Amino acid sequence: MTGFDPYESIGFHCSLTLRAMTAELEKRLHKIGISPAQHIALAHLNASGAMPQMELAAYLSTSPVSVVKLIDRMERDGWVERQPSAEDRRIKLVVPTEKAAAVWSELTAIARATIEKAYRGISEKEINTCKKTLRQIRENLET
């Protein structure tokens, strides 16, 4: 069979790598009772502060419907709460709770341990080259 070989595509390798890293992260996060998607949402909220649901959807590269379902689960589990915006009461801000703040250092340690396992046997120079290359590919595709 001739044609496209997915193993020649960096995108294909990125997809396989993302799946493997997500599976490893999921195993580690399970004991806390948080999913990788919830962890990523909390990471954005921790880095940027409270934000509107639609902005969080953009950070997560997901649809508004999907982010509402994610936030519903996170609110039910006590990780976030929705609060009205001071500027526009129609806008709901997603705010991490004290429960989320209490486990943030543990979540950070889990993420770092996952990355350390993934990077085993790869030099810092190789990691930096990979990041630079992937950044350039993203920029090429976004223009």
N, C-alpha and C. Protein backbone atom coordinates (compact mmCIF):
# COMPACT_ATOMS: atom_id res chain seq x y z
N MET A 1 0.84 -1.17 0.00
CA MET A 1 0.00 0.00 0.00
C MET A 1 0.89 1.24 0.00
N THR A 2 0.64 2.15 -0.89
CA THR A 2 1.43 3.37 -0.98
C THR A 2 0.60 4.54 -0.48
N GLY A 3 1.26 5.64 -0.25
CA GLY A 3 0.55 6.82 0.21
C GLY A 3 1.14 7.35 1.49
N PHE A 4 0.30 7.92 2.29
CA PHE A 4 0.72 8.58 3.51
C PHE A 4 1.09 7.58 4.60
N ASP A 5 2.27 7.74 5.17
CA ASP A 5 2.71 6.92 6.30
C ASP A 5 2.63 7.79 7.55
N PRO A 6 1.69 7.50 8.45
CA PRO A 6 1.53 8.37 9.62
C PRO A 6 2.79 8.45 10.49
N TYR A 7 3.62 7.43 10.45
CA TYR A 7 4.83 7.44 11.28
C TYR A 7 5.87 8.45 10.76
N GLU A 8 5.64 9.01 9.59
CA GLU A 8 6.51 10.06 9.06
C GLU A 8 6.05 11.44 9.51
N SER A 9 4.92 11.53 10.21
CA SER A 9 4.33 12.80 10.62
C SER A 9 4.66 13.11 12.08
N ILE A 10 5.18 14.30 12.31
CA ILE A 10 5.42 14.73 13.69
C ILE A 10 4.09 14.81 14.43
N GLY A 11 3.03 15.25 13.75
CA GLY A 11 1.72 15.33 14.37
C GLY A 11 1.24 13.99 14.90
N PHE A 12 1.47 12.94 14.14
CA PHE A 12 1.09 11.60 14.57
C PHE A 12 1.86 11.20 15.83
N HIS A 13 3.16 11.48 15.84
CA HIS A 13 3.98 11.16 17.01
C HIS A 13 3.56 12.01 18.22
N CYS A 14 3.18 13.26 17.98
CA CYS A 14 2.68 14.11 19.07
C CYS A 14 1.40 13.52 19.65
N SER A 15 0.53 13.04 18.79
CA SER A 15 -0.72 12.44 19.24
C SER A 15 -0.46 11.20 20.09
N LEU A 16 0.43 10.33 19.64
CA LEU A 16 0.78 9.13 20.41
C LEU A 16 1.40 9.50 21.75
N THR A 17 2.27 10.50 21.73
CA THR A 17 2.94 10.93 22.95
C THR A 17 1.95 11.56 23.93
N LEU A 18 1.04 12.37 23.41
CA LEU A 18 0.03 12.98 24.27
C LEU A 18 -0.82 11.90 24.94
N ARG A 19 -1.22 10.89 24.18
CA ARG A 19 -2.01 9.79 24.76
C ARG A 19 -1.24 9.07 25.86
N ALA A 20 0.04 8.81 25.62
CA ALA A 20 0.85 8.11 26.62
C ALA A 20 1.04 8.97 27.87
N MET A 21 1.30 10.25 27.69
CA MET A 21 1.48 11.13 28.85
C MET A 21 0.18 11.30 29.62
N THR A 22 -0.93 11.42 28.90
CA THR A 22 -2.23 11.56 29.56
C THR A 22 -2.57 10.30 30.35
N ALA A 23 -2.28 9.13 29.79
CA ALA A 23 -2.56 7.87 30.50
C ALA A 23 -1.72 7.78 31.78
N GLU A 24 -0.45 8.15 31.70
CA GLU A 24 0.41 8.14 32.88
C GLU A 24 -0.07 9.14 33.92
N LEU A 25 -0.42 10.32 33.48
CA LEU A 25 -0.92 11.34 34.39
C LEU A 25 -2.23 10.90 35.04
N GLU A 26 -3.09 10.28 34.26
CA GLU A 26 -4.37 9.80 34.79
C GLU A 26 -4.16 8.78 35.90
N LYS A 27 -3.21 7.87 35.71
CA LYS A 27 -2.90 6.88 36.76
C LYS A 27 -2.47 7.57 38.05
N ARG A 28 -1.65 8.60 37.92
CA ARG A 28 -1.12 9.28 39.09
C ARG A 28 -2.17 10.17 39.76
N LEU A 29 -3.04 10.77 38.97
CA LEU A 29 -4.06 11.68 39.52
C LEU A 29 -5.24 10.95 40.14
N HIS A 30 -5.41 9.70 39.76
CA HIS A 30 -6.57 8.93 40.20
C HIS A 30 -6.71 8.92 41.73
N LYS A 31 -5.59 8.83 42.43
CA LYS A 31 -5.64 8.76 43.89
C LYS A 31 -6.19 10.03 44.52
N ILE A 32 -6.10 11.15 43.81
CA ILE A 32 -6.64 12.42 44.32
C ILE A 32 -8.10 12.57 43.91
N GLY A 33 -8.50 11.85 42.87
CA GLY A 33 -9.88 11.95 42.40
C GLY A 33 -10.08 13.06 41.40
N ILE A 34 -9.05 13.31 40.59
CA ILE A 34 -9.14 14.37 39.59
C ILE A 34 -8.68 13.80 38.25
N SER A 35 -9.30 14.24 37.18
CA SER A 35 -8.95 13.77 35.84
C SER A 35 -7.89 14.67 35.23
N PRO A 36 -7.19 14.20 34.19
CA PRO A 36 -6.23 15.07 33.51
C PRO A 36 -6.86 16.36 32.99
N ALA A 37 -8.07 16.29 32.46
CA ALA A 37 -8.75 17.49 31.95
C ALA A 37 -9.01 18.48 33.09
N GLN A 38 -9.42 17.96 34.25
CA GLN A 38 -9.65 18.83 35.40
C GLN A 38 -8.33 19.42 35.89
N HIS A 39 -7.29 18.62 35.86
CA HIS A 39 -5.96 19.10 36.27
C HIS A 39 -5.51 20.25 35.37
N ILE A 40 -5.69 20.10 34.06
CA ILE A 40 -5.28 21.14 33.12
C ILE A 40 -6.11 22.41 33.35
N ALA A 41 -7.42 22.24 33.58
CA ALA A 41 -8.27 23.39 33.87
C ALA A 41 -7.78 24.12 35.12
N LEU A 42 -7.49 23.36 36.18
CA LEU A 42 -6.98 23.97 37.40
C LEU A 42 -5.63 24.65 37.18
N ALA A 43 -4.80 24.08 36.33
CA ALA A 43 -3.50 24.69 36.03
C ALA A 43 -3.70 26.06 35.38
N HIS A 44 -4.62 26.15 34.43
CA HIS A 44 -4.89 27.45 33.79
C HIS A 44 -5.47 28.43 34.80
N LEU A 45 -6.39 27.98 35.64
CA LEU A 45 -6.98 28.85 36.65
C LEU A 45 -5.94 29.30 37.67
N ASN A 46 -5.05 28.39 38.04
CA ASN A 46 -4.00 28.73 38.99
C ASN A 46 -3.05 29.76 38.39
N ALA A 47 -2.72 29.60 37.12
CA ALA A 47 -1.78 30.51 36.47
C ALA A 47 -2.39 31.87 36.16
N SER A 48 -3.66 31.87 35.74
CA SER A 48 -4.28 33.11 35.26
C SER A 48 -5.31 33.71 36.21
N GLY A 49 -5.72 32.96 37.20
CA GLY A 49 -6.76 33.43 38.10
C GLY A 49 -8.15 33.11 37.57
N ALA A 50 -9.15 33.56 38.31
CA ALA A 50 -10.54 33.32 37.91
C ALA A 50 -10.76 33.84 36.50
N MET A 51 -11.55 33.09 35.73
CA MET A 51 -11.81 33.51 34.35
C MET A 51 -13.20 33.06 33.92
N PRO A 52 -13.76 33.74 32.91
CA PRO A 52 -15.05 33.32 32.37
C PRO A 52 -14.97 31.92 31.77
N GLN A 53 -16.09 31.22 31.81
CA GLN A 53 -16.16 29.86 31.26
C GLN A 53 -15.68 29.82 29.81
N MET A 54 -16.07 30.81 29.01
CA MET A 54 -15.70 30.81 27.60
C MET A 54 -14.19 30.97 27.41
N GLU A 55 -13.57 31.75 28.27
CA GLU A 55 -12.11 31.91 28.20
C GLU A 55 -11.42 30.60 28.57
N LEU A 56 -11.94 29.93 29.57
CA LEU A 56 -11.37 28.63 29.95
C LEU A 56 -11.54 27.63 28.81
N ALA A 57 -12.68 27.66 28.13
CA ALA A 57 -12.89 26.78 26.97
C ALA A 57 -11.82 27.03 25.91
N ALA A 58 -11.48 28.30 25.68
CA ALA A 58 -10.45 28.63 24.69
C ALA A 58 -9.09 28.09 25.12
N TYR A 59 -8.74 28.26 26.41
CA TYR A 59 -7.47 27.73 26.91
C TYR A 59 -7.39 26.21 26.75
N LEU A 60 -8.53 25.54 26.94
CA LEU A 60 -8.56 24.08 26.87
C LEU A 60 -8.78 23.56 25.46
N SER A 61 -8.98 24.48 24.51
CA SER A 61 -9.25 24.10 23.12
C SER A 61 -10.42 23.13 23.03
N THR A 62 -11.49 23.50 23.69
CA THR A 62 -12.68 22.65 23.71
C THR A 62 -13.92 23.49 23.45
N SER A 63 -15.00 22.83 23.18
CA SER A 63 -16.25 23.52 22.88
C SER A 63 -16.87 24.09 24.15
N PRO A 64 -17.70 25.11 24.01
CA PRO A 64 -18.40 25.65 25.19
C PRO A 64 -19.23 24.58 25.91
N VAL A 65 -19.88 23.70 25.17
CA VAL A 65 -20.69 22.64 25.79
C VAL A 65 -19.80 21.71 26.61
N SER A 66 -18.67 21.33 26.06
CA SER A 66 -17.75 20.43 26.79
C SER A 66 -17.20 21.08 28.04
N VAL A 67 -16.86 22.38 27.97
CA VAL A 67 -16.30 23.03 29.16
C VAL A 67 -17.36 23.20 30.24
N VAL A 68 -18.62 23.42 29.84
CA VAL A 68 -19.70 23.52 30.83
C VAL A 68 -19.83 22.18 31.57
N LYS A 69 -19.79 21.08 30.84
CA LYS A 69 -19.87 19.75 31.48
C LYS A 69 -18.68 19.52 32.41
N LEU A 70 -17.49 19.91 31.96
CA LEU A 70 -16.29 19.77 32.79
C LEU A 70 -16.43 20.60 34.07
N ILE A 71 -16.85 21.84 33.93
CA ILE A 71 -17.00 22.71 35.10
C ILE A 71 -18.10 22.18 36.02
N ASP A 72 -19.18 21.66 35.45
CA ASP A 72 -20.24 21.06 36.27
C ASP A 72 -19.67 19.95 37.16
N ARG A 73 -18.86 19.06 36.57
CA ARG A 73 -18.26 17.97 37.33
C ARG A 73 -17.29 18.51 38.40
N MET A 74 -16.50 19.51 38.01
CA MET A 74 -15.53 20.08 38.94
C MET A 74 -16.24 20.80 40.09
N GLU A 75 -17.34 21.46 39.78
CA GLU A 75 -18.12 22.14 40.82
C GLU A 75 -18.76 21.11 41.76
N ARG A 76 -19.32 20.06 41.17
CA ARG A 76 -19.92 18.99 41.97
C ARG A 76 -18.91 18.37 42.92
N ASP A 77 -17.65 18.20 42.44
CA ASP A 77 -16.60 17.56 43.24
C ASP A 77 -15.88 18.54 44.16
N GLY A 78 -16.25 19.82 44.10
CA GLY A 78 -15.68 20.81 45.02
C GLY A 78 -14.37 21.44 44.59
N TRP A 79 -13.98 21.29 43.31
CA TRP A 79 -12.71 21.86 42.83
C TRP A 79 -12.84 23.32 42.44
N VAL A 80 -14.01 23.72 41.92
CA VAL A 80 -14.24 25.10 41.48
C VAL A 80 -15.64 25.53 41.88
N GLU A 81 -15.85 26.83 41.78
CA GLU A 81 -17.21 27.34 41.91
C GLU A 81 -17.39 28.44 40.88
N ARG A 82 -18.64 28.67 40.52
CA ARG A 82 -18.97 29.74 39.58
C ARG A 82 -19.41 30.95 40.40
N GLN A 83 -18.87 32.10 40.01
CA GLN A 83 -19.24 33.35 40.67
C GLN A 83 -19.56 34.39 39.61
N PRO A 84 -20.54 35.25 39.87
CA PRO A 84 -20.85 36.30 38.88
C PRO A 84 -19.69 37.28 38.76
N SER A 85 -19.46 37.75 37.55
CA SER A 85 -18.43 38.75 37.30
C SER A 85 -18.88 40.08 37.88
N ALA A 86 -17.95 40.83 38.47
CA ALA A 86 -18.26 42.16 39.01
C ALA A 86 -18.60 43.14 37.89
N GLU A 87 -18.01 42.95 36.72
CA GLU A 87 -18.23 43.86 35.58
C GLU A 87 -19.51 43.55 34.82
N ASP A 88 -19.86 42.26 34.74
CA ASP A 88 -21.03 41.85 33.95
C ASP A 88 -21.64 40.62 34.61
N ARG A 89 -22.76 40.80 35.27
CA ARG A 89 -23.36 39.70 36.03
C ARG A 89 -23.83 38.55 35.15
N ARG A 90 -23.93 38.77 33.84
CA ARG A 90 -24.30 37.68 32.93
C ARG A 90 -23.16 36.69 32.77
N ILE A 91 -21.95 37.13 33.05
CA ILE A 91 -20.75 36.30 32.90
C ILE A 91 -20.45 35.61 34.22
N LYS A 92 -20.25 34.30 34.14
CA LYS A 92 -19.87 33.51 35.31
C LYS A 92 -18.37 33.27 35.26
N LEU A 93 -17.71 33.60 36.36
CA LEU A 93 -16.29 33.32 36.48
C LEU A 93 -16.09 31.95 37.13
N VAL A 94 -15.11 31.22 36.66
CA VAL A 94 -14.75 29.94 37.26
C VAL A 94 -13.61 30.23 38.23
N VAL A 95 -13.82 29.85 39.48
CA VAL A 95 -12.87 30.18 40.55
C VAL A 95 -12.48 28.89 41.27
N PRO A 96 -11.17 28.63 41.42
CA PRO A 96 -10.76 27.44 42.19
C PRO A 96 -11.15 27.60 43.65
N THR A 97 -11.49 26.50 44.29
CA THR A 97 -11.89 26.50 45.69
C THR A 97 -10.69 26.30 46.60
N GLU A 98 -10.94 26.39 47.88
CA GLU A 98 -9.89 26.09 48.88
C GLU A 98 -9.43 24.64 48.74
N LYS A 99 -10.37 23.75 48.41
CA LYS A 99 -10.02 22.34 48.23
C LYS A 99 -8.97 22.20 47.12
N ALA A 100 -9.17 22.93 46.02
CA ALA A 100 -8.21 22.88 44.91
C ALA A 100 -6.87 23.47 45.34
N ALA A 101 -6.91 24.58 46.05
CA ALA A 101 -5.67 25.21 46.51
C ALA A 101 -4.90 24.29 47.45
N ALA A 102 -5.64 23.53 48.26
CA ALA A 102 -5.01 22.64 49.24
C ALA A 102 -4.22 21.50 48.59
N VAL A 103 -4.63 21.07 47.41
CA VAL A 103 -3.94 19.95 46.75
C VAL A 103 -3.04 20.41 45.59
N TRP A 104 -2.97 21.74 45.35
CA TRP A 104 -2.22 22.21 44.19
C TRP A 104 -0.76 21.78 44.23
N SER A 105 -0.10 21.84 45.37
CA SER A 105 1.31 21.43 45.43
C SER A 105 1.45 19.94 45.12
N GLU A 106 0.49 19.12 45.55
CA GLU A 106 0.53 17.70 45.23
C GLU A 106 0.30 17.47 43.73
N LEU A 107 -0.62 18.23 43.15
CA LEU A 107 -0.87 18.12 41.70
C LEU A 107 0.37 18.52 40.91
N THR A 108 1.05 19.56 41.37
CA THR A 108 2.28 20.01 40.72
C THR A 108 3.35 18.93 40.80
N ALA A 109 3.48 18.30 41.95
CA ALA A 109 4.47 17.23 42.12
C ALA A 109 4.15 16.05 41.21
N ILE A 110 2.88 15.72 41.07
CA ILE A 110 2.47 14.63 40.18
C ILE A 110 2.82 14.96 38.73
N ALA A 111 2.53 16.19 38.32
CA ALA A 111 2.84 16.60 36.94
C ALA A 111 4.34 16.55 36.69
N ARG A 112 5.11 17.04 37.66
CA ARG A 112 6.58 17.03 37.50
C ARG A 112 7.12 15.61 37.45
N ALA A 113 6.59 14.72 38.28
CA ALA A 113 7.04 13.33 38.26
C ALA A 113 6.71 12.66 36.92
N THR A 114 5.56 12.99 36.38
CA THR A 114 5.17 12.45 35.07
C THR A 114 6.13 12.93 33.99
N ILE A 115 6.44 14.21 34.02
CA ILE A 115 7.36 14.78 33.03
C ILE A 115 8.75 14.18 33.19
N GLU A 116 9.22 14.03 34.43
CA GLU A 116 10.53 13.43 34.66
C GLU A 116 10.60 12.01 34.09
N LYS A 117 9.53 11.24 34.28
CA LYS A 117 9.50 9.88 33.73
C LYS A 117 9.53 9.94 32.21
N ALA A 118 8.76 10.85 31.64
CA ALA A 118 8.70 10.97 30.17
C ALA A 118 10.04 11.39 29.58
N TYR A 119 10.76 12.25 30.28
CA TYR A 119 12.01 12.81 29.76
C TYR A 119 13.23 11.93 30.07
N ARG A 120 13.02 10.81 30.76
CA ARG A 120 14.14 9.94 31.15
C ARG A 120 14.98 9.57 29.92
N GLY A 121 16.29 9.77 30.03
CA GLY A 121 17.21 9.40 28.96
C GLY A 121 17.31 10.44 27.84
N ILE A 122 16.66 11.58 28.01
CA ILE A 122 16.69 12.64 26.99
C ILE A 122 17.37 13.86 27.62
N SER A 123 18.34 14.42 26.92
CA SER A 123 19.07 15.56 27.47
C SER A 123 18.21 16.82 27.46
N GLU A 124 18.59 17.75 28.31
CA GLU A 124 17.89 19.04 28.36
C GLU A 124 17.97 19.75 27.01
N LYS A 125 19.11 19.62 26.35
CA LYS A 125 19.28 20.24 25.03
C LYS A 125 18.29 19.63 24.03
N GLU A 126 18.13 18.32 24.06
CA GLU A 126 17.17 17.66 23.15
C GLU A 126 15.74 18.08 23.44
N ILE A 127 15.40 18.19 24.73
CA ILE A 127 14.05 18.63 25.12
C ILE A 127 13.81 20.04 24.61
N ASN A 128 14.78 20.94 24.80
CA ASN A 128 14.63 22.32 24.35
C ASN A 128 14.52 22.42 22.83
N THR A 129 15.28 21.60 22.12
CA THR A 129 15.18 21.58 20.66
C THR A 129 13.81 21.11 20.22
N CYS A 130 13.30 20.09 20.89
CA CYS A 130 11.97 19.57 20.57
C CYS A 130 10.91 20.64 20.79
N LYS A 131 10.97 21.32 21.93
CA LYS A 131 10.00 22.38 22.23
C LYS A 131 10.07 23.49 21.19
N LYS A 132 11.29 23.88 20.84
CA LYS A 132 11.47 24.95 19.84
C LYS A 132 10.88 24.53 18.50
N THR A 133 11.12 23.30 18.11
CA THR A 133 10.61 22.79 16.84
C THR A 133 9.08 22.76 16.84
N LEU A 134 8.50 22.24 17.91
CA LEU A 134 7.05 22.17 18.00
C LEU A 134 6.42 23.56 18.03
N ARG A 135 7.05 24.50 18.71
CA ARG A 135 6.58 25.88 18.73
C ARG A 135 6.56 26.45 17.31
N GLN A 136 7.62 26.18 16.55
CA GLN A 136 7.70 26.69 15.18
C GLN A 136 6.61 26.06 14.30
N ILE A 137 6.38 24.78 14.48
CA ILE A 137 5.31 24.10 13.72
C ILE A 137 3.96 24.73 14.03
N ARG A 138 3.68 24.98 15.32
CA ARG A 138 2.43 25.64 15.71
C ARG A 138 2.30 27.00 15.06
N GLU A 139 3.39 27.79 15.12
CA GLU A 139 3.36 29.12 14.51
C GLU A 139 3.11 29.03 13.01
N ASN A 140 3.75 28.09 12.35
CA ASN A 140 3.54 27.90 10.91
C ASN A 140 2.08 27.61 10.60
N LEU A 141 1.47 26.78 11.44
CA LEU A 141 0.07 26.37 11.18
C LEU A 141 -0.94 27.43 11.59
N GLU A 142 -0.56 28.32 12.48
CA GLU A 142 -1.49 29.35 12.95
C GLU A 142 -1.49 30.59 12.07
N THR A 143 -0.60 30.66 11.09
CA THR A 143 -0.56 31.83 10.21
C THR A 143 -1.24 31.53 8.90
